[in-house]
Amino acid sequence: MRFEHYEKDGVDIIEVKGKIMGGDDFIPLDDKLYGLLGRGRTKAIIDLSKCDWINSTGLGRLIHHSTSFSKVDGELKLANLTEKIDKIITITRLSEVFDVADSIEDALTKFKT
């Protein structure tokens, strides 16, 4: 897994590329998300448009980070889910855990003001 980070309208956007499998491969993304919170950056979007797959460990890490953002009154949203990822999120009922948006623009408008 690789990712790119950029900011738009005061929100951190992380574009994930490849597979989210958890384990050692997830450490750089862990570090990025913890680093954002450590700097008081509490609004983030994970763009999954270029994510090929996510396993249960990867889902667990995203749930953990969603909870971490919530604990500091922040928000972590998912956007641009591929058909495969959308099915996984729906089947596992994680759409009740994650705020999911069809696009980055939709996710940006969903943030609390």
C-alpha atoms as a PDB file:
ATOM      1  CA  MET A   1       0.000   0.000   0.000  1.00  0.00           C
ATOM      2  CA  ARG A   2       1.105   3.525  -0.775  1.00  0.00           C
ATOM      3  CA  PHE A   3      -0.612   6.800  -0.072  1.00  0.00           C
ATOM      4  CA  GLU A   4      -0.436  10.472  -0.898  1.00  0.00           C
ATOM      5  CA  HIS A   5      -1.415  13.236   1.500  1.00  0.00           C
ATOM      6  CA  TYR A   6      -2.675  16.696   0.677  1.00  0.00           C
ATOM      7  CA  GLU A   7      -4.880  19.356   2.232  1.00  0.00           C
ATOM      8  CA  LYS A   8      -8.021  20.917   0.823  1.00  0.00           C
ATOM      9  CA  ASP A   9     -10.230  23.473   2.563  1.00  0.00           C
ATOM     10  CA  GLY A  10      -8.518  22.789   5.900  1.00  0.00           C
ATOM     11  CA  VAL A  11      -9.149  19.029   5.672  1.00  0.00           C
ATOM     12  CA  ASP A  12      -6.409  16.414   5.323  1.00  0.00           C
ATOM     13  CA  ILE A  13      -6.981  14.015   2.443  1.00  0.00           C
ATOM     14  CA  ILE A  14      -5.144  10.716   2.197  1.00  0.00           C
ATOM     15  CA  GLU A  15      -5.355   8.925  -1.139  1.00  0.00           C
ATOM     16  CA  VAL A  16      -4.632   5.225  -0.649  1.00  0.00           C
ATOM     17  CA  LYS A  17      -3.218   3.186  -3.529  1.00  0.00           C
ATOM     18  CA  GLY A  18      -3.059  -0.610  -3.588  1.00  0.00           C
ATOM     19  CA  LYS A  19      -4.252  -3.016  -0.902  1.00  0.00           C
ATOM     20  CA  ILE A  20      -4.934  -2.187   2.756  1.00  0.00           C
ATOM     21  CA  MET A  21      -3.788  -5.323   4.522  1.00  0.00           C
ATOM     22  CA  GLY A  22      -2.833  -4.108   7.990  1.00  0.00           C
ATOM     23  CA  GLY A  23       0.355  -5.322   9.637  1.00  0.00           C
ATOM     24  CA  ASP A  24       3.719  -3.750   8.845  1.00  0.00           C
ATOM     25  CA  ASP A  25       2.386  -2.391   5.555  1.00  0.00           C
ATOM     26  CA  PHE A  26      -0.051  -0.182   7.483  1.00  0.00           C
ATOM     27  CA  ILE A  27       2.572   1.424   9.768  1.00  0.00           C
ATOM     28  CA  PRO A  28       3.247   4.466   7.529  1.00  0.00           C
ATOM     29  CA  LEU A  29      -0.495   5.217   7.374  1.00  0.00           C
ATOM     30  CA  ASP A  30      -0.776   4.684  11.149  1.00  0.00           C
ATOM     31  CA  ASP A  31       2.057   7.163  11.638  1.00  0.00           C
ATOM     32  CA  LYS A  32       0.444   9.697   9.297  1.00  0.00           C
ATOM     33  CA  LEU A  33      -2.949   9.529  11.044  1.00  0.00           C
ATOM     34  CA  TYR A  34      -1.431   9.661  14.555  1.00  0.00           C
ATOM     35  CA  GLY A  35       0.737  12.560  13.402  1.00  0.00           C
ATOM     36  CA  LEU A  36      -2.279  14.501  12.164  1.00  0.00           C
ATOM     37  CA  LEU A  37      -4.015  14.123  15.518  1.00  0.00           C
ATOM     38  CA  GLY A  38      -0.804  15.021  17.328  1.00  0.00           C
ATOM     39  CA  ARG A  39      -0.737  18.313  15.431  1.00  0.00           C
ATOM     40  CA  GLY A  40      -4.390  19.031  16.225  1.00  0.00           C
ATOM     41  CA  ARG A  41      -5.568  18.132  12.718  1.00  0.00           C
ATOM     42  CA  THR A  42      -8.924  16.476  13.424  1.00  0.00           C
ATOM     43  CA  LYS A  43     -10.639  16.409  10.018  1.00  0.00           C
ATOM     44  CA  ALA A  44      -9.495  13.816   7.506  1.00  0.00           C
ATOM     45  CA  ILE A  45     -10.765  11.914   4.500  1.00  0.00           C
ATOM     46  CA  ILE A  46      -9.438   8.564   3.312  1.00  0.00           C
ATOM     47  CA  ASP A  47      -9.845   8.455  -0.494  1.00  0.00           C
ATOM     48  CA  LEU A  48     -10.233   4.805  -1.524  1.00  0.00           C
ATOM     49  CA  SER A  49     -10.688   5.338  -5.278  1.00  0.00           C
ATOM     50  CA  LYS A  50      -7.343   3.615  -5.997  1.00  0.00           C
ATOM     51  CA  CYS A  51      -7.598   0.972  -3.261  1.00  0.00           C
ATOM     52  CA  ASP A  52      -7.792  -2.543  -4.732  1.00  0.00           C
ATOM     53  CA  TRP A  53      -8.688  -4.465  -1.588  1.00  0.00           C
ATOM     54  CA  ILE A  54      -8.999  -4.280   2.175  1.00  0.00           C
ATOM     55  CA  ASN A  55      -8.834  -7.211   4.575  1.00  0.00           C
ATOM     56  CA  SER A  56     -10.167  -7.536   8.110  1.00  0.00           C
ATOM     57  CA  THR A  57      -6.927  -6.305   9.662  1.00  0.00           C
ATOM     58  CA  GLY A  58      -6.978  -3.204   7.477  1.00  0.00           C
ATOM     59  CA  LEU A  59     -10.624  -2.608   8.373  1.00  0.00           C
ATOM     60  CA  GLY A  60      -9.739  -2.952  12.040  1.00  0.00           C
ATOM     61  CA  ARG A  61      -7.020  -0.300  11.722  1.00  0.00           C
ATOM     62  CA  LEU A  62      -9.417   2.113   9.975  1.00  0.00           C
ATOM     63  CA  ILE A  63     -12.029   1.519  12.705  1.00  0.00           C
ATOM     64  CA  HIS A  64      -9.353   2.221  15.322  1.00  0.00           C
ATOM     65  CA  HIS A  65      -8.419   5.500  13.656  1.00  0.00           C
ATOM     66  CA  SER A  66     -12.048   6.514  13.211  1.00  0.00           C
ATOM     67  CA  THR A  67     -12.476   6.020  16.963  1.00  0.00           C
ATOM     68  CA  SER A  68      -9.280   7.974  17.678  1.00  0.00           C
ATOM     69  CA  PHE A  69     -10.559  10.926  15.657  1.00  0.00           C
ATOM     70  CA  SER A  70     -13.958  10.751  17.379  1.00  0.00           C
ATOM     71  CA  LYS A  71     -12.350  10.801  20.837  1.00  0.00           C
ATOM     72  CA  VAL A  72     -10.914  14.251  20.119  1.00  0.00           C
ATOM     73  CA  ASP A  73     -14.190  15.493  18.590  1.00  0.00           C
ATOM     74  CA  GLY A  74     -12.778  14.994  15.114  1.00  0.00           C
ATOM     75  CA  GLU A  75     -13.972  13.134  12.055  1.00  0.00           C
ATOM     76  CA  LEU A  76     -12.433  10.572   9.734  1.00  0.00           C
ATOM     77  CA  LYS A  77     -14.476   9.973   6.587  1.00  0.00           C
ATOM     78  CA  LEU A  78     -14.146   7.492   3.728  1.00  0.00           C
ATOM     79  CA  ALA A  79     -14.682   8.620   0.147  1.00  0.00           C
ATOM     80  CA  ASN A  80     -14.688   7.219  -3.394  1.00  0.00           C
ATOM     81  CA  LEU A  81     -15.191   3.584  -2.426  1.00  0.00           C
ATOM     82  CA  THR A  82     -14.627   1.141  -5.252  1.00  0.00           C
ATOM     83  CA  GLU A  83     -17.366  -1.406  -5.907  1.00  0.00           C
ATOM     84  CA  LYS A  84     -15.405  -4.125  -4.040  1.00  0.00           C
ATOM     85  CA  ILE A  85     -14.728  -1.930  -1.010  1.00  0.00           C
ATOM     86  CA  ASP A  86     -18.323  -0.675  -0.963  1.00  0.00           C
ATOM     87  CA  LYS A  87     -19.603  -4.271  -0.851  1.00  0.00           C
ATOM     88  CA  ILE A  88     -17.273  -5.094   2.045  1.00  0.00           C
ATOM     89  CA  ILE A  89     -18.354  -1.997   3.997  1.00  0.00           C
ATOM     90  CA  THR A  90     -22.036  -2.770   3.329  1.00  0.00           C
ATOM     91  CA  ILE A  91     -21.896  -6.513   4.115  1.00  0.00           C
ATOM     92  CA  THR A  92     -20.019  -5.921   7.372  1.00  0.00           C
ATOM     93  CA  ARG A  93     -22.393  -3.069   8.290  1.00  0.00           C
ATOM     94  CA  LEU A  94     -19.441  -0.765   8.730  1.00  0.00           C
ATOM     95  CA  SER A  95     -21.451   1.929   6.980  1.00  0.00           C
ATOM     96  CA  GLU A  96     -22.878   2.411  10.483  1.00  0.00           C
ATOM     97  CA  VAL A  97     -19.349   3.078  11.786  1.00  0.00           C
ATOM     98  CA  PHE A  98     -17.874   5.115   8.936  1.00  0.00           C
ATOM     99  CA  ASP A  99     -19.231   8.260   7.358  1.00  0.00           C
ATOM    100  CA  VAL A 100     -18.959   7.360   3.670  1.00  0.00           C
ATOM    101  CA  ALA A 101     -19.145   9.854   0.811  1.00  0.00           C
ATOM    102  CA  ASP A 102     -19.335   9.350  -2.937  1.00  0.00           C
ATOM    103  CA  SER A 103     -16.585  11.897  -3.608  1.00  0.00           C
ATOM    104  CA  ILE A 104     -14.033  14.116  -1.897  1.00  0.00           C
ATOM    105  CA  GLU A 105     -16.288  17.119  -2.518  1.00  0.00           C
ATOM    106  CA  ASP A 106     -19.256  15.338  -0.888  1.00  0.00           C
ATOM    107  CA  ALA A 107     -17.089  14.403   2.097  1.00  0.00           C
ATOM    108  CA  LEU A 108     -15.872  17.999   2.472  1.00  0.00           C
ATOM    109  CA  THR A 109     -19.443  19.292   2.643  1.00  0.00           C
ATOM    110  CA  LYS A 110     -20.338  16.739   5.355  1.00  0.00           C
ATOM    111  CA  PHE A 111     -17.894  18.119   7.913  1.00  0.00           C
ATOM    112  CA  LYS A 112     -19.322  19.944  10.920  1.00  0.00           C
ATOM    113  CA  THR A 113     -19.028  23.671  10.684  1.00  0.00           C
END
